[in-house]
N, C-alpha and C. Protein backbone atom coordinates (compact mmCIF):
# COMPACT_ATOMS: atom_id res chain seq x y z
N UNK A 1 31.01 -90.85 85.08
CA UNK A 1 31.71 -90.51 86.07
C UNK A 1 32.59 -89.28 85.25
N UNK A 2 32.53 -88.35 86.34
CA UNK A 2 33.34 -87.29 86.15
C UNK A 2 34.50 -86.92 87.31
N UNK A 3 35.47 -86.19 86.71
CA UNK A 3 36.38 -85.50 87.77
C UNK A 3 36.25 -84.10 87.73
N UNK A 4 36.52 -83.79 89.21
CA UNK A 4 36.34 -82.29 89.67
C UNK A 4 37.50 -81.82 90.36
N UNK A 5 37.68 -80.67 90.42
CA UNK A 5 38.70 -80.17 91.52
C UNK A 5 37.92 -79.93 92.90
N UNK A 6 38.95 -79.61 93.86
CA UNK A 6 38.28 -79.50 95.20
C UNK A 6 37.33 -78.59 95.62
N UNK A 7 37.53 -77.18 94.45
CA UNK A 7 36.86 -76.07 94.76
C UNK A 7 35.39 -76.06 93.31
N UNK A 8 35.05 -77.28 92.77
CA UNK A 8 34.34 -77.37 91.89
C UNK A 8 32.93 -78.13 92.28
N UNK A 9 32.45 -78.38 93.57
CA UNK A 9 31.54 -79.07 93.86
C UNK A 9 30.09 -78.61 93.14
N UNK A 10 29.84 -77.54 92.50
CA UNK A 10 28.96 -77.06 92.21
C UNK A 10 28.87 -77.29 90.58
N UNK A 11 29.85 -77.55 90.10
CA UNK A 11 30.14 -77.48 88.58
C UNK A 11 29.09 -78.39 87.88
N UNK A 12 28.76 -78.16 86.91
CA UNK A 12 27.40 -79.04 86.25
C UNK A 12 27.62 -80.48 86.02
N UNK A 13 29.30 -80.68 85.23
CA UNK A 13 29.22 -82.24 85.12
C UNK A 13 29.40 -82.99 86.50
N UNK A 14 29.84 -82.34 87.51
CA UNK A 14 29.72 -82.92 88.80
C UNK A 14 28.69 -83.36 89.28
N UNK A 15 27.52 -82.37 88.94
CA UNK A 15 26.16 -82.45 89.54
C UNK A 15 25.45 -83.53 88.72
N UNK A 16 25.68 -83.76 87.36
CA UNK A 16 25.01 -84.62 86.61
C UNK A 16 25.31 -86.07 86.74
N UNK A 17 26.49 -86.30 87.02
CA UNK A 17 27.50 -87.43 87.30
C UNK A 17 26.85 -88.37 88.03
N UNK A 18 26.88 -89.66 87.90
CA UNK A 18 26.50 -90.81 88.70
C UNK A 18 27.48 -90.95 89.98
N UNK A 19 28.75 -90.83 89.37
CA UNK A 19 30.28 -90.93 90.24
C UNK A 19 31.07 -89.48 90.18
N UNK A 20 31.70 -89.15 91.37
CA UNK A 20 32.44 -88.05 90.93
C UNK A 20 33.64 -88.30 91.73
N UNK A 21 35.11 -88.04 90.98
CA UNK A 21 36.35 -88.22 91.59
C UNK A 21 36.82 -86.69 91.72
N UNK A 22 37.32 -86.72 92.74
CA UNK A 22 37.62 -85.29 93.58
C UNK A 22 39.21 -85.24 93.16
N UNK A 23 39.62 -84.07 92.33
CA UNK A 23 41.44 -84.36 92.00
C UNK A 23 42.30 -83.48 93.33
N UNK A 24 43.22 -83.60 93.38
CA UNK A 24 43.94 -82.83 94.19
C UNK A 24 44.16 -81.45 93.52
N UNK A 25 43.86 -80.37 94.39
CA UNK A 25 44.12 -79.25 93.77
C UNK A 25 42.89 -78.31 93.63
N UNK A 26 43.20 -77.14 93.04
CA UNK A 26 41.64 -76.46 92.69
C UNK A 26 41.92 -75.77 91.10
N UNK A 27 40.94 -75.30 90.97
CA UNK A 27 40.87 -74.87 89.47
C UNK A 27 41.43 -75.30 88.87
N UNK A 28 42.00 -74.77 87.41
CA UNK A 28 42.24 -75.80 86.22
C UNK A 28 43.60 -76.39 86.62
N UNK A 29 44.25 -75.70 87.31
CA UNK A 29 45.62 -76.67 87.98
C UNK A 29 45.31 -77.89 88.18
N UNK A 30 44.00 -78.03 88.77
CA UNK A 30 44.01 -79.73 89.18
C UNK A 30 43.90 -80.91 88.26
N UNK A 31 43.38 -80.24 86.74
CA UNK A 31 43.60 -80.97 85.83
C UNK A 31 44.71 -80.97 84.83
N UNK A 32 45.96 -80.34 85.41
CA UNK A 32 47.05 -80.50 84.47
C UNK A 32 47.88 -81.75 85.00
N UNK A 33 47.69 -82.24 86.16
CA UNK A 33 48.43 -83.30 86.50
C UNK A 33 47.92 -84.60 85.66
N UNK A 34 48.21 -84.96 84.32
CA UNK A 34 47.66 -86.13 83.49
C UNK A 34 47.74 -87.15 84.59
N UNK A 35 49.20 -87.61 85.29
CA UNK A 35 49.05 -88.81 85.57
C UNK A 35 47.90 -89.26 86.78
N UNK A 36 47.60 -88.06 87.32
CA UNK A 36 46.44 -88.40 88.70
C UNK A 36 45.45 -88.53 88.15
N UNK A 37 45.26 -88.06 87.02
CA UNK A 37 43.81 -88.01 86.31
C UNK A 37 43.61 -89.78 85.72
N UNK A 38 45.00 -90.10 84.78
CA UNK A 38 44.41 -91.48 84.32
C UNK A 38 44.26 -92.33 85.66
N UNK A 39 45.21 -92.09 86.77
CA UNK A 39 44.98 -92.94 87.72
C UNK A 39 43.71 -92.89 88.24
N UNK A 40 42.77 -92.01 88.62
CA UNK A 40 41.81 -91.68 89.17
C UNK A 40 40.86 -92.70 87.90
N UNK A 41 40.78 -92.34 86.94
CA UNK A 41 40.03 -93.15 85.96
C UNK A 41 40.41 -94.47 85.84
N UNK A 42 41.27 -94.73 85.92
CA UNK A 42 41.67 -96.51 86.10
C UNK A 42 41.12 -96.93 87.45
N UNK A 43 41.23 -96.34 88.63
CA UNK A 43 40.89 -96.68 89.80
C UNK A 43 39.44 -96.78 89.79
N UNK A 44 38.90 -95.70 89.38
CA UNK A 44 37.03 -95.82 89.21
C UNK A 44 36.80 -96.79 88.21
N UNK A 45 37.57 -97.56 87.72
CA UNK A 45 36.96 -98.80 86.47
C UNK A 45 36.27 -98.25 85.33
N UNK A 46 36.93 -97.18 85.17
CA UNK A 46 36.20 -96.58 83.61
C UNK A 46 36.95 -97.53 82.28
N UNK A 47 36.56 -97.53 81.36
CA UNK A 47 37.13 -98.29 80.18
C UNK A 47 37.11 -96.80 79.21
N UNK A 48 36.81 -95.77 79.17
CA UNK A 48 36.99 -94.78 78.32
C UNK A 48 36.89 -93.46 78.92
N UNK A 49 37.81 -92.57 78.17
CA UNK A 49 37.96 -91.18 78.66
C UNK A 49 37.75 -90.34 77.24
N UNK A 50 36.43 -89.49 78.04
CA UNK A 50 35.94 -88.15 76.88
C UNK A 50 36.73 -87.04 77.29
N UNK A 51 37.82 -86.45 76.79
CA UNK A 51 38.58 -85.24 77.52
C UNK A 51 37.73 -84.02 77.45
N UNK A 52 36.67 -83.74 77.11
CA UNK A 52 35.61 -82.59 77.26
C UNK A 52 36.38 -81.55 76.24
N UNK A 53 36.91 -80.49 76.45
CA UNK A 53 37.33 -79.50 75.66
C UNK A 53 38.38 -78.95 76.64
N UNK A 54 39.70 -78.03 75.87
CA UNK A 54 40.36 -77.23 76.49
C UNK A 54 41.50 -78.35 77.07
N UNK A 55 42.26 -77.67 77.90
CA UNK A 55 43.41 -78.21 78.90
C UNK A 55 44.37 -79.50 78.39
N UNK A 56 43.68 -80.63 78.80
CA UNK A 56 44.27 -81.75 78.22
C UNK A 56 43.68 -82.60 76.75
N UNK A 57 42.51 -81.75 76.30
CA UNK A 57 41.86 -82.66 75.53
C UNK A 57 42.34 -82.54 74.05
N UNK A 58 43.69 -81.67 73.77
CA UNK A 58 44.30 -81.55 72.78
C UNK A 58 45.92 -81.90 73.12
N UNK A 59 45.99 -82.65 74.16
CA UNK A 59 47.14 -83.10 74.49
C UNK A 59 47.81 -84.37 74.01
N UNK A 60 48.56 -84.82 73.12
CA UNK A 60 48.83 -86.12 72.90
C UNK A 60 49.58 -86.86 73.51
N UNK A 61 50.17 -86.21 74.56
CA UNK A 61 50.91 -86.93 75.83
C UNK A 61 49.54 -87.55 76.33
N UNK A 62 48.54 -86.54 76.89
CA UNK A 62 47.63 -87.39 77.98
C UNK A 62 46.71 -88.41 77.00
N UNK A 63 46.60 -88.22 75.75
CA UNK A 63 45.75 -89.38 74.74
C UNK A 63 46.50 -90.34 75.29
N UNK A 64 48.04 -90.31 74.76
CA UNK A 64 48.52 -91.35 75.10
C UNK A 64 48.93 -92.16 76.05
N UNK A 65 49.13 -91.29 77.04
CA UNK A 65 48.59 -92.03 78.37
C UNK A 65 47.41 -92.89 78.84
N UNK A 66 46.40 -92.07 77.89
CA UNK A 66 45.01 -92.96 78.47
C UNK A 66 45.58 -94.42 77.68
N UNK A 67 45.47 -94.35 76.46
CA UNK A 67 45.42 -95.43 75.69
C UNK A 67 46.52 -96.68 76.15
N UNK A 68 47.52 -96.03 77.07
CA UNK A 68 48.64 -96.85 77.13
C UNK A 68 48.48 -97.41 78.41
N UNK A 69 47.37 -96.94 79.29
CA UNK A 69 46.58 -97.63 80.57
C UNK A 69 45.58 -98.40 80.42
N UNK A 70 45.09 -98.51 78.67
CA UNK A 70 44.08 -99.51 78.46
C UNK A 70 42.90 -98.79 78.26
N UNK A 71 42.98 -97.67 78.53
CA UNK A 71 42.07 -97.21 78.35
C UNK A 71 41.33 -96.80 76.59
N UNK A 72 40.34 -96.67 76.31
CA UNK A 72 39.43 -96.15 74.92
C UNK A 72 39.67 -94.58 75.15
N UNK A 73 40.13 -93.84 74.00
CA UNK A 73 40.45 -92.21 73.92
C UNK A 73 39.66 -91.84 73.31
N UNK A 74 38.39 -91.24 73.74
CA UNK A 74 37.04 -90.65 72.60
C UNK A 74 37.61 -89.36 72.56
N UNK A 75 38.72 -89.42 71.55
CA UNK A 75 38.90 -88.03 70.89
C UNK A 75 39.88 -88.65 69.76
N UNK A 76 40.73 -87.43 68.91
CA UNK A 76 41.68 -87.73 68.03
C UNK A 76 42.94 -88.62 68.38
N UNK A 77 43.27 -89.28 67.77
CA UNK A 77 44.27 -90.23 67.80
C UNK A 77 45.70 -89.49 68.53
N UNK A 78 46.44 -89.87 69.36
CA UNK A 78 47.44 -89.04 69.70
C UNK A 78 48.64 -88.83 68.64
N UNK A 79 48.58 -89.29 67.76
CA UNK A 79 49.42 -88.99 66.16
C UNK A 79 48.66 -87.98 65.60
N UNK A 80 47.57 -87.63 65.70
CA UNK A 80 46.92 -86.94 65.02
C UNK A 80 47.09 -85.32 65.81
N UNK A 81 46.83 -85.63 67.04
CA UNK A 81 47.10 -84.53 68.06
C UNK A 81 48.30 -83.92 68.17
N UNK A 82 49.59 -84.90 67.77
CA UNK A 82 50.94 -84.28 67.71
C UNK A 82 50.96 -83.53 66.79
N UNK A 83 50.30 -84.40 65.44
CA UNK A 83 50.76 -83.68 63.97
C UNK A 83 49.55 -82.07 64.10
N UNK A 84 48.54 -82.00 64.54
CA UNK A 84 47.98 -80.54 64.50
C UNK A 84 48.57 -79.82 65.64
N UNK A 85 49.42 -80.12 66.53
CA UNK A 85 49.83 -79.57 67.23
C UNK A 85 51.09 -78.80 66.94
N UNK A 86 51.65 -79.39 65.78
CA UNK A 86 53.19 -78.97 65.39
C UNK A 86 52.86 -78.21 64.02
N UNK A 87 52.96 -77.03 64.55
CA UNK A 87 52.60 -76.08 62.99
C UNK A 87 53.66 -76.14 61.94
N UNK A 88 54.47 -76.75 62.23
CA UNK A 88 55.88 -77.26 61.13
C UNK A 88 55.59 -78.38 60.58
N UNK A 89 54.78 -79.28 61.08
CA UNK A 89 54.59 -80.82 60.42
C UNK A 89 54.23 -80.63 59.18
N UNK A 90 54.43 -81.59 57.71
CA UNK A 90 53.65 -81.43 56.91
C UNK A 90 52.46 -82.42 57.16
N UNK A 91 51.04 -81.51 56.58
CA UNK A 91 49.78 -82.21 56.47
C UNK A 91 49.83 -83.14 55.52
N UNK A 92 50.35 -83.19 54.57
CA UNK A 92 50.05 -83.90 53.41
C UNK A 92 48.63 -83.62 52.71
N UNK A 93 48.34 -82.18 52.98
CA UNK A 93 47.27 -81.75 52.27
C UNK A 93 47.84 -81.01 51.08
N UNK A 94 47.38 -80.38 50.42
CA UNK A 94 47.90 -79.43 49.00
C UNK A 94 48.98 -80.07 48.23
N UNK A 95 49.87 -79.30 47.51
CA UNK A 95 50.53 -79.46 46.39
C UNK A 95 51.81 -80.10 47.29
């Protein structure tokens, strides 16, 4: 199953997917509504989310929303994303 915006009918993931859910909005803006995306995935009966790259793929809040909805997040755990996104957090590496 793939998600796409209203103006991405010809996008490769949409053409290759067995099922496509069209999000409200056009362009990248359609993918910024994490709640709408999680809701669409849950309604479609999916068990896991692979975020691809960019936009919400490195968003700890989105990852947490997915796991909180009972979905398997195929990517770094939310705590890892939070730590990587916080450039002042202690990484535990080095002296």
